[in-house]
Structures are given as C-alpha cells and as structure tokens.
Amino acid sequence: MNINLPNFNMKNLVREAGSTISRVVQLTEEKLGTTERTEYDLHFQNLAERADVTKSWTEKIVRDTESVLIPNPQNRVEDYIFEKIEKSRPKRLSNLEHLALDMIEAGGDFGQDLPYGQALIKVGQAEQKLGQCEHDFIATSGICFTQPLRKFLDGEMKTITKERGILETKRLDLDACKNRVKKARSMLGQQSAERDLRVAQAEFDRQSEITKLLLDGISTSQASHLRHLHAFIQTQVRYYKQCTDVMDQLQRELANLGGPTPYVPLELHDGIASKTNASGSGGGANRGGGSGNNTGMGGHRLNQPMHVNTDQMQRARVLCSYDAKDHTELNLNANEVIFVTECSPVSEDYMYGKQGLMKGLVPRAFLEMLDDEKDDERDRPANIAAF
C-alpha cells in the first residue's frame, strides 16, 4: 500500500519557525521598549499616512454612495452576493414604479373619461418615467463611479497593504539581525551575524523601494478618481434634468385636462415675475409705477393683475403659432383669439393672457389687439360728426 506524503523540507520548515520566533521576540521587546527599532524615513511615513487616509475615505465614500443609490440594505447585500457568484442582479420595481402601477390601475377603475381617473393615469405614467430614469441613474453611477473606486480598494489598496506587511516583516528581521550582531560573543558567531545582517538589510531596502513606488502611485489613482467623480456629477445632473423635464411635461398635461378644478402649474407666478422683472427693468419698469418691489398692498404679487375678470381683459388675435418656452407661457395657434391684459409691472415684451382655463405669459410681438380696432371704429363716426 503506497501512501504519498507531502514532501516537507525540514530545513526550510525549521528556518521559517526560527524566523517567526525571532520576529515575535523582536516585536515583544519593541513593545516593552527594551530594544531599538529601525524607523522609516519621513517621506515614507507621509506616503503611508496618505495611503491610510485614502483607503479610509474611499471606503466611506463608496459605502455612502451605494446607500444613496440603493437605500435598502437588504437589496445591497443581495446585489453583492449576486456579483460575487457572477450572476446578473434581479430586476426589481422601485417604489416609484409600484406607485405608478397602482395609480394607473386606480385611474382605470375610477374611469378614464373622468377628470380624476385621467389625472391618475397621467401621473402614473409620469412616475413610471421617473422610475426608469432612476434605474438608469443607478446603473450609470455604478459603472462610472462606485465600481472603479471599489476596484481600486480591492486591487491596488490590497496590494499596498500586502507589500507594507512584507516590509514590516523585513524590518523585524533586520532589527533582529542587528541585535544578534550586538550580542555575538565569538568571532565565528560575529561573522555569521554580520552576514545575516547584510542579507536582511538588502532585502529590507529592496522591499522598501517596492512599497514606496506603490505608495507614490496613489497620486495617479486620485487623479483617476477625480475623473470618475466628474462623470458621476454629470450623470447626476442628467438624471435631475430628465426628472425635471418629466414633471414639466406632466404639469402641462394636467393643465390641459381642465375639469371642474383645473390644475395650475406650480411656481407659474414666480416664473412670470422673473420674466416681467427682467424685461421691465428698463423703461417698462418706470411705466409700471416706478417701483421695483414685487409686492403691493395687502401682500399681493404685482407680476399678475389682481382681481381681473374676463370683461376687464382685451381681446387679441394670434398672428402666428408660438410654442411656449416653459410652463410660465402659453402655447399659441395662428388666428386664435385670446384675452390679454398688462402685466404688473408693465413688460415691454410680454402680456398676461387667458386661454380658456389656462393663464400665462404671451409675447406682444405675436398679438394683434382687436378691442383697440373696435375702439377706433367707434371713435371715427364721432369725430366726423364733430366736423
């Protein structure tokens, strides 16, 4: 019966055991302060300290970013496991998408022809778009930011940590050899200890250079991390812009639905104020009463007429079609008749218009006043009679 035993080299085993015991003794004496130790140079210490700070903060940044992207810790653990076993992550519906499905289903049950049902369906569809934007943002942020930083931690930083551990081992061997040289009594023992010291010194210097080169590479890594940070910010800006576009479109769709309680877009009056103030900062502002204040008596905003009924507004015909630049303006069709009045303060470029249930800014250049023509026609016979 043949039994294959591992081929142990007893000499190497004894040598390794002796080196380990020597390191333990050296480390214990250093802790007790009974022996000297080789100190690293100041430049190396600064590099090592920077590496420790970089590792610590990079771990925190990656962890916090993943918490923002995937708030549910259970989902993060699940994704980590699937990543380790090299399988695709499960596709989950976000909270926005769950809300969207419920809203769409509720809108169908309430009635697609009713205002509330229509609004629920519109909002649900918008929430679905927001959920898809969120999925794209999470995926892109992982590719351009968290994954490169985690790769740095799992690759370069682990290599640096390993080489620093080897360097510390070489330092302990070097200091142990120095102590043996001091304690050598015979001439033969002195020569053997000095030979071991030269070998230990050479190995320590070589490992020190290797570790220092790796530590110097952190500057290059941080420059790479800066590029990844820029990419993450661009992704975040793109994500929020997409969300803003979706919500602006939703506001326009809700406003077009009408109904017994029509939707008034949020911050419509604030947008009107900024436009009227910008265009009326010159001569138009003086015609508006000479005051740059946006509020009047009783705290009412002066960017839109107060208590103006349709009878108090003038009719105007749209000369050509106009697409609104944002939610503060009205979309106009050629030859359409709308009601308009002056903004307050008066703007040279815009008037305040009413188009059915919708209200907003309309450019003066696209309007032809109709009530002014009728006033002129009424005044003309009176002037003839006077002659």
Protein backbone atom coordinates (compact mmCIF):
# COMPACT_ATOMS: atom_id res chain seq x y z
CA MET A 1 0.00 0.00 0.00
CA ASN A 2 1.63 3.18 -1.19
CA ILE A 3 0.92 6.39 0.70
CA ASN A 4 2.12 9.63 -0.86
CA LEU A 5 3.07 12.02 1.89
CA PRO A 6 3.70 15.71 1.27
CA ASN A 7 7.35 16.47 0.57
CA PHE A 8 8.31 18.57 3.57
CA ASN A 9 11.69 20.26 3.58
CA MET A 10 12.62 20.12 7.25
CA LYS A 11 15.43 22.63 6.90
CA ASN A 12 13.13 25.26 5.42
CA LEU A 13 10.48 24.46 8.00
CA VAL A 14 12.94 24.89 10.86
CA ARG A 15 14.30 28.08 9.31
CA GLU A 16 10.82 29.59 8.95
CA ALA A 17 9.93 28.62 12.51
CA GLY A 18 13.13 30.21 13.79
CA SER A 19 12.45 33.41 11.82
CA THR A 20 8.91 33.60 13.17
CA ILE A 21 10.10 33.17 16.75
CA SER A 22 12.79 35.80 16.18
CA ARG A 23 10.19 38.28 14.88
CA VAL A 24 7.89 37.64 17.81
CA VAL A 25 10.74 38.22 20.26
CA GLN A 26 11.79 41.40 18.43
CA LEU A 27 8.23 42.75 18.36
CA THR A 28 7.73 41.97 22.05
CA GLU A 29 10.93 43.75 23.02
CA GLU A 30 9.89 46.77 20.94
CA LYS A 31 6.56 46.89 22.71
CA LEU A 32 8.32 46.71 26.06
CA GLY A 33 10.82 49.37 24.98
CA THR A 34 13.86 47.21 25.70
CA THR A 35 15.32 47.33 22.19
CA GLU A 36 15.76 49.73 19.30
CA ARG A 37 13.83 49.61 16.04
CA THR A 38 14.55 50.86 12.54
CA GLU A 39 12.41 53.90 11.75
CA TYR A 40 11.10 54.65 8.28
CA ASP A 41 12.15 57.93 6.70
CA LEU A 42 9.81 60.93 6.85
CA HIS A 43 8.85 60.76 3.17
CA PHE A 44 7.82 57.14 3.50
CA GLN A 45 5.79 57.90 6.62
CA ASN A 46 3.92 60.69 4.79
CA LEU A 47 3.17 58.36 1.88
CA ALA A 48 1.94 55.65 4.24
CA GLU A 49 -0.26 58.10 6.13
CA ARG A 50 -1.76 59.38 2.87
CA ALA A 51 -2.47 55.79 1.81
CA ASP A 52 -4.29 55.09 5.08
CA VAL A 53 -6.38 58.27 4.74
CA THR A 54 -7.17 57.49 1.10
CA LYS A 55 -8.26 53.95 1.93
CA SER A 56 -10.44 55.06 4.84
CA TRP A 57 -12.25 57.86 3.00
CA THR A 58 -12.66 55.90 -0.23
CA GLU A 59 -14.36 53.09 1.68
CA LYS A 60 -16.72 55.60 3.31
CA ILE A 61 -17.50 57.36 0.02
CA VAL A 62 -18.27 54.07 -1.73
CA ARG A 63 -20.42 52.89 1.16
CA ASP A 64 -22.34 56.18 1.40
CA THR A 65 -22.84 56.41 -2.37
CA GLU A 66 -24.24 52.89 -2.51
CA SER A 67 -26.56 53.78 0.38
CA VAL A 68 -27.86 56.75 -1.62
CA LEU A 69 -28.30 54.75 -4.81
CA ILE A 70 -29.83 51.69 -3.11
CA PRO A 71 -31.26 52.73 0.28
CA ASN A 72 -32.50 49.23 1.16
CA PRO A 73 -29.58 47.39 2.86
CA GLN A 74 -31.14 44.02 2.09
CA ASN A 75 -31.07 44.79 -1.63
CA ARG A 76 -27.43 45.91 -1.38
CA VAL A 77 -26.45 42.63 0.29
CA GLU A 78 -28.38 40.68 -2.35
CA ASP A 79 -26.66 42.57 -5.17
CA TYR A 80 -23.27 41.95 -3.56
CA ILE A 81 -23.92 38.20 -3.38
CA PHE A 82 -25.06 38.04 -7.00
CA GLU A 83 -21.97 40.00 -8.01
CA LYS A 84 -19.68 37.55 -6.22
CA ILE A 85 -21.28 34.50 -7.84
CA GLU A 86 -21.12 36.30 -11.20
CA LYS A 87 -24.84 36.32 -11.87
CA SER A 88 -26.99 39.17 -13.11
CA ARG A 89 -28.78 41.18 -10.47
CA PRO A 90 -32.52 40.63 -10.10
CA LYS A 91 -34.72 43.27 -11.70
CA ARG A 92 -36.78 44.98 -9.03
CA LEU A 93 -39.52 47.56 -9.30
CA SER A 94 -38.70 50.76 -7.47
CA ASN A 95 -41.12 52.44 -5.09
CA LEU A 96 -41.96 54.96 -7.81
CA GLU A 97 -42.85 52.16 -10.23
CA HIS A 98 -45.04 50.43 -7.64
CA LEU A 99 -46.82 53.75 -7.08
CA ALA A 100 -47.17 54.24 -10.84
CA LEU A 101 -48.79 50.84 -11.38
CA ASP A 102 -51.28 51.42 -8.57
CA MET A 103 -52.17 54.89 -9.89
CA ILE A 104 -52.71 53.64 -13.43
CA GLU A 105 -54.84 50.74 -12.22
CA ALA A 106 -56.85 53.03 -9.94
CA GLY A 107 -57.36 55.52 -12.77
CA GLY A 108 -58.75 52.76 -14.96
CA ASP A 109 -61.16 51.64 -12.24
CA PHE A 110 -62.30 55.20 -11.48
CA GLY A 111 -62.95 55.83 -15.16
CA GLN A 112 -60.64 57.04 -17.89
CA ASP A 113 -63.25 59.58 -19.01
CA LEU A 114 -63.45 61.25 -15.59
CA PRO A 115 -61.02 64.04 -14.62
CA TYR A 116 -59.70 62.20 -11.56
CA GLY A 117 -59.16 58.96 -13.46
CA GLN A 118 -57.42 60.76 -16.31
CA ALA A 119 -55.18 62.63 -13.87
CA LEU A 120 -54.25 59.42 -12.04
CA ILE A 121 -53.27 57.74 -15.29
CA LYS A 122 -51.20 60.75 -16.39
CA VAL A 123 -49.41 60.92 -13.04
CA GLY A 124 -48.84 57.16 -13.03
CA GLN A 125 -47.26 57.28 -16.46
CA ALA A 126 -45.00 60.11 -15.31
CA GLU A 127 -44.00 58.14 -12.21
CA GLN A 128 -43.08 55.22 -14.46
CA LYS A 129 -40.79 57.51 -16.44
CA LEU A 130 -39.22 58.76 -13.20
CA GLY A 131 -38.67 55.17 -12.09
CA GLN A 132 -36.92 54.36 -15.37
CA CYS A 133 -34.77 57.47 -15.01
CA GLU A 134 -33.86 56.28 -11.51
CA HIS A 135 -32.87 52.83 -12.80
CA ASP A 136 -30.66 54.38 -15.47
CA PHE A 137 -29.08 56.73 -12.93
CA ILE A 138 -28.27 53.90 -10.50
CA ALA A 139 -26.77 51.72 -13.23
CA THR A 140 -24.70 54.52 -14.77
CA SER A 141 -23.47 55.76 -11.38
CA GLY A 142 -22.28 52.26 -10.50
CA ILE A 143 -20.37 51.94 -13.76
CA CYS A 144 -18.75 55.39 -13.75
CA PHE A 145 -18.12 55.91 -10.01
CA THR A 146 -18.65 53.21 -7.37
CA GLN A 147 -17.27 50.28 -9.36
CA PRO A 148 -13.94 51.99 -10.24
CA LEU A 149 -13.48 53.07 -6.62
CA ARG A 150 -14.27 49.58 -5.33
CA LYS A 151 -11.88 48.12 -7.89
CA PHE A 152 -9.19 50.43 -6.53
CA LEU A 153 -9.86 49.20 -2.98
CA ASP A 154 -9.93 45.53 -3.97
CA GLY A 155 -6.90 45.76 -6.22
CA GLU A 156 -4.35 48.50 -5.66
CA MET A 157 -5.04 49.11 -1.97
CA LYS A 158 -4.91 45.39 -1.14
CA THR A 159 -1.57 45.13 -2.94
CA ILE A 160 -0.22 48.12 -1.00
CA THR A 161 -1.42 46.63 2.29
CA LYS A 162 0.20 43.30 1.45
CA GLU A 163 3.54 44.87 0.49
CA ARG A 164 3.54 47.03 3.63
CA GLY A 165 3.05 43.88 5.68
CA ILE A 166 6.00 42.24 3.94
CA LEU A 167 8.09 45.36 4.55
CA GLU A 168 7.24 45.28 8.25
CA THR A 169 8.35 41.63 8.34
CA LYS A 170 11.65 42.54 6.68
CA ARG A 171 12.14 45.33 9.21
CA LEU A 172 11.65 42.94 12.11
CA ASP A 173 14.18 40.54 10.55
CA LEU A 174 16.64 43.41 10.09
CA ASP A 175 16.34 44.60 13.69
CA ALA A 176 16.62 41.04 14.97
CA CYS A 177 19.87 40.63 13.00
CA LYS A 178 21.19 43.90 14.44
CA ASN A 179 20.53 42.62 17.95
CA ARG A 180 22.27 39.33 17.17
CA VAL A 181 25.33 41.23 15.95
CA LYS A 182 25.42 43.16 19.22
CA LYS A 183 25.05 40.02 21.29
CA ALA A 184 27.53 37.87 19.33
CA ARG A 185 30.36 36.68 21.61
CA SER A 186 32.64 34.55 19.41
CA MET A 187 34.41 35.57 16.21
CA LEU A 188 32.57 32.90 14.22
CA GLY A 189 29.21 34.00 15.56
CA GLN A 190 30.08 37.63 14.80
CA GLN A 191 30.82 36.86 11.14
CA SER A 192 27.64 34.80 10.73
CA ALA A 193 25.51 37.53 12.34
CA GLU A 194 27.06 40.24 10.14
CA ARG A 195 26.43 38.15 7.02
CA ASP A 196 22.78 37.70 8.02
CA LEU A 197 22.58 41.44 8.72
CA ARG A 198 23.80 42.33 5.22
CA VAL A 199 21.26 39.99 3.64
CA ALA A 200 18.45 41.37 5.83
CA GLN A 201 19.47 44.96 5.04
CA ALA A 202 19.44 44.28 1.29
CA GLU A 203 16.02 42.62 1.45
CA PHE A 204 14.65 45.47 3.56
CA ASP A 205 15.95 48.14 1.15
CA ARG A 206 14.53 46.28 -1.85
CA GLN A 207 11.11 45.86 -0.24
CA SER A 208 11.15 49.48 0.89
CA GLU A 209 11.63 50.68 -2.70
CA ILE A 210 8.84 48.43 -3.98
CA THR A 211 6.43 49.69 -1.33
CA LYS A 212 7.40 53.31 -1.90
CA LEU A 213 6.70 53.00 -5.64
CA LEU A 214 3.25 51.60 -4.90
CA LEU A 215 2.53 54.39 -2.43
CA ASP A 216 3.61 57.01 -4.97
CA GLY A 217 1.04 55.57 -7.38
CA ILE A 218 -1.80 56.82 -5.19
CA SER A 219 -1.40 60.28 -6.74
CA THR A 220 -2.23 58.80 -10.14
CA SER A 221 -5.16 56.92 -8.63
CA GLN A 222 -6.57 60.09 -7.08
CA ALA A 223 -6.38 61.84 -10.46
CA SER A 224 -8.36 58.94 -11.90
CA HIS A 225 -10.86 59.19 -9.04
CA LEU A 226 -11.36 62.87 -9.88
CA ARG A 227 -12.36 61.94 -13.43
CA HIS A 228 -14.79 59.36 -12.06
CA LEU A 229 -16.23 62.00 -9.72
CA HIS A 230 -16.79 64.35 -12.66
CA ALA A 231 -18.55 61.57 -14.54
CA PHE A 232 -20.77 60.90 -11.52
CA ILE A 233 -21.76 64.57 -11.29
CA GLN A 234 -22.58 64.66 -15.00
CA THR A 235 -24.75 61.58 -14.52
CA GLN A 236 -26.49 63.19 -11.56
CA VAL A 237 -27.13 66.44 -13.47
CA ARG A 238 -28.52 64.47 -16.41
CA TYR A 239 -30.78 62.48 -14.07
CA TYR A 240 -32.28 65.52 -12.36
CA LYS A 241 -32.75 67.27 -15.71
CA GLN A 242 -34.65 64.26 -17.03
CA CYS A 243 -36.82 64.27 -13.90
CA THR A 244 -37.49 68.00 -14.31
CA ASP A 245 -38.48 67.51 -17.96
CA VAL A 246 -40.86 64.69 -17.00
CA MET A 247 -42.52 66.81 -14.30
CA ASP A 248 -42.80 69.87 -16.57
CA GLN A 249 -44.48 67.73 -19.20
CA LEU A 250 -46.79 66.28 -16.55
CA GLN A 251 -47.78 69.77 -15.40
CA ARG A 252 -48.66 70.79 -18.97
CA GLU A 253 -50.70 67.62 -19.48
CA LEU A 254 -52.58 68.11 -16.21
CA ALA A 255 -53.29 71.74 -17.07
CA ASN A 256 -54.66 70.70 -20.48
CA LEU A 257 -57.05 68.22 -18.88
CA GLY A 258 -59.18 71.04 -17.46
CA GLY A 259 -62.13 69.80 -15.40
CA PRO A 260 -64.07 71.38 -12.53
CA THR A 261 -60.86 72.19 -10.64
CA PRO A 262 -58.20 72.87 -13.29
CA TYR A 263 -54.56 72.31 -12.39
CA VAL A 264 -52.45 75.45 -12.03
CA PRO A 265 -48.74 74.72 -12.66
CA LEU A 266 -46.55 75.19 -9.62
CA GLU A 267 -44.45 78.36 -9.49
CA LEU A 268 -46.24 79.80 -12.53
CA HIS A 269 -46.43 83.20 -10.91
CA ASP A 270 -42.79 83.05 -9.80
CA GLY A 271 -41.75 82.40 -13.40
CA ILE A 272 -43.92 85.29 -14.60
CA ALA A 273 -42.31 87.56 -12.01
CA SER A 274 -38.80 86.75 -13.19
CA LYS A 275 -39.70 87.42 -16.83
CA THR A 276 -41.59 90.63 -16.23
CA ASN A 277 -38.88 91.96 -13.93
CA ALA A 278 -36.17 91.12 -16.48
CA SER A 279 -37.96 92.75 -19.42
CA GLY A 280 -39.31 95.67 -17.36
CA SER A 281 -36.04 96.62 -15.71
CA GLY A 282 -35.63 99.49 -18.21
CA GLY A 283 -38.32 101.93 -19.35
CA GLY A 284 -41.07 99.37 -18.84
CA ALA A 285 -40.40 99.30 -15.12
CA ASN A 286 -40.91 103.05 -14.91
CA ARG A 287 -44.26 102.76 -16.67
CA GLY A 288 -45.25 100.15 -14.12
CA GLY A 289 -45.22 102.73 -11.35
CA GLY A 290 -41.54 103.40 -10.76
CA SER A 291 -41.23 100.75 -8.06
CA GLY A 292 -39.06 97.64 -8.34
CA ASN A 293 -40.92 95.94 -5.48
CA ASN A 294 -42.78 92.76 -6.46
CA THR A 295 -45.45 93.07 -3.78
CA GLY A 296 -48.15 95.65 -3.31
CA MET A 297 -50.90 96.48 -0.85
CA GLY A 298 -52.04 93.55 1.22
CA GLY A 299 -49.05 91.42 0.19
CA HIS A 300 -50.39 90.67 -3.36
CA ARG A 301 -47.77 89.94 -6.01
CA LEU A 302 -47.64 92.58 -8.74
CA ASN A 303 -46.43 90.27 -11.51
CA GLN A 304 -50.00 89.40 -12.49
CA PRO A 305 -53.16 91.57 -12.50
CA MET A 306 -55.16 91.35 -9.29
CA HIS A 307 -58.89 90.57 -9.46
CA VAL A 308 -59.13 90.89 -13.25
CA ASN A 309 -62.25 89.36 -14.82
CA THR A 310 -62.63 88.40 -18.46
CA ASP A 311 -64.70 91.54 -19.06
CA GLN A 312 -61.77 93.67 -17.93
CA MET A 313 -59.36 91.97 -20.35
CA GLN A 314 -58.87 92.85 -24.00
CA ARG A 315 -59.19 90.50 -26.93
CA ALA A 316 -56.22 89.81 -29.15
CA ARG A 317 -55.69 87.69 -32.26
CA VAL A 318 -52.60 85.48 -32.52
CA LEU A 319 -50.64 86.39 -35.64
CA CYS A 320 -48.68 83.13 -35.86
CA SER A 321 -48.20 79.97 -33.84
CA TYR A 322 -45.94 80.09 -30.82
CA ASP A 323 -44.53 77.25 -28.68
CA ALA A 324 -44.16 78.04 -25.01
CA LYS A 325 -40.58 78.08 -23.77
CA ASP A 326 -41.57 76.86 -20.30
CA HIS A 327 -44.61 76.36 -18.08
CA THR A 328 -45.00 80.12 -17.45
CA GLU A 329 -46.00 80.76 -21.08
CA LEU A 330 -48.98 79.75 -23.21
CA ASN A 331 -48.89 77.77 -26.44
CA LEU A 332 -50.50 79.86 -29.19
CA ASN A 333 -52.10 78.87 -32.51
CA ALA A 334 -52.35 81.16 -35.52
CA ASN A 335 -55.59 83.21 -35.77
CA GLU A 336 -56.59 82.15 -32.27
CA VAL A 337 -58.39 84.81 -30.18
CA ILE A 338 -57.38 85.09 -26.52
CA PHE A 339 -57.87 87.57 -23.68
CA VAL A 340 -54.88 89.62 -22.56
CA THR A 341 -54.05 92.38 -20.13
CA GLU A 342 -50.94 94.20 -18.99
CA CYS A 343 -48.53 92.59 -16.56
CA SER A 344 -47.71 94.45 -13.40
CA PRO A 345 -45.12 95.93 -13.60
CA VAL A 346 -45.69 96.53 -17.30
CA SER A 347 -43.43 94.47 -19.55
CA GLU A 348 -42.30 95.59 -23.00
CA ASP A 349 -42.09 92.01 -24.26
CA TYR A 350 -44.93 90.11 -22.58
CA MET A 351 -48.61 90.41 -21.72
CA TYR A 352 -50.62 88.31 -19.30
CA GLY A 353 -53.01 86.08 -21.26
CA LYS A 354 -56.00 83.84 -20.60
CA GLN A 355 -56.62 80.92 -22.92
CA GLY A 356 -59.67 79.02 -21.80
CA LEU A 357 -58.82 77.77 -18.32
CA MET A 358 -55.10 78.34 -18.75
CA LYS A 359 -53.26 81.53 -17.88
CA GLY A 360 -49.72 82.61 -18.57
CA LEU A 361 -47.39 84.92 -20.44
CA VAL A 362 -47.73 85.64 -24.16
CA PRO A 363 -45.28 87.65 -26.31
CA ARG A 364 -46.54 91.02 -27.53
CA ALA A 365 -44.97 90.52 -30.96
CA PHE A 366 -47.32 87.61 -31.69
CA LEU A 367 -50.52 89.55 -30.86
CA GLU A 368 -52.84 91.91 -32.70
CA MET A 369 -55.18 93.79 -30.39
CA LEU A 370 -58.82 93.57 -31.53
CA ASP A 371 -60.52 95.75 -28.94
CA ASP A 372 -58.29 98.71 -29.90
CA GLU A 373 -59.53 98.46 -33.52
CA LYS A 374 -63.17 98.49 -32.38
CA ASP A 375 -62.50 101.49 -30.18
CA ASP A 376 -61.01 103.31 -33.18
CA GLU A 377 -64.04 102.44 -35.33
CA ARG A 378 -66.42 103.77 -32.66
CA ASP A 379 -64.42 106.97 -32.29
CA ARG A 380 -64.25 107.65 -36.06
CA PRO A 381 -68.02 108.50 -36.62
CA ALA A 382 -67.95 110.70 -33.54
CA ASN A 383 -65.05 112.66 -34.95
CA ILE A 384 -66.81 113.04 -38.34
CA ALA A 385 -69.97 114.32 -36.63
CA ALA A 386 -67.92 116.87 -34.72
CA PHE A 387 -66.66 118.33 -38.01
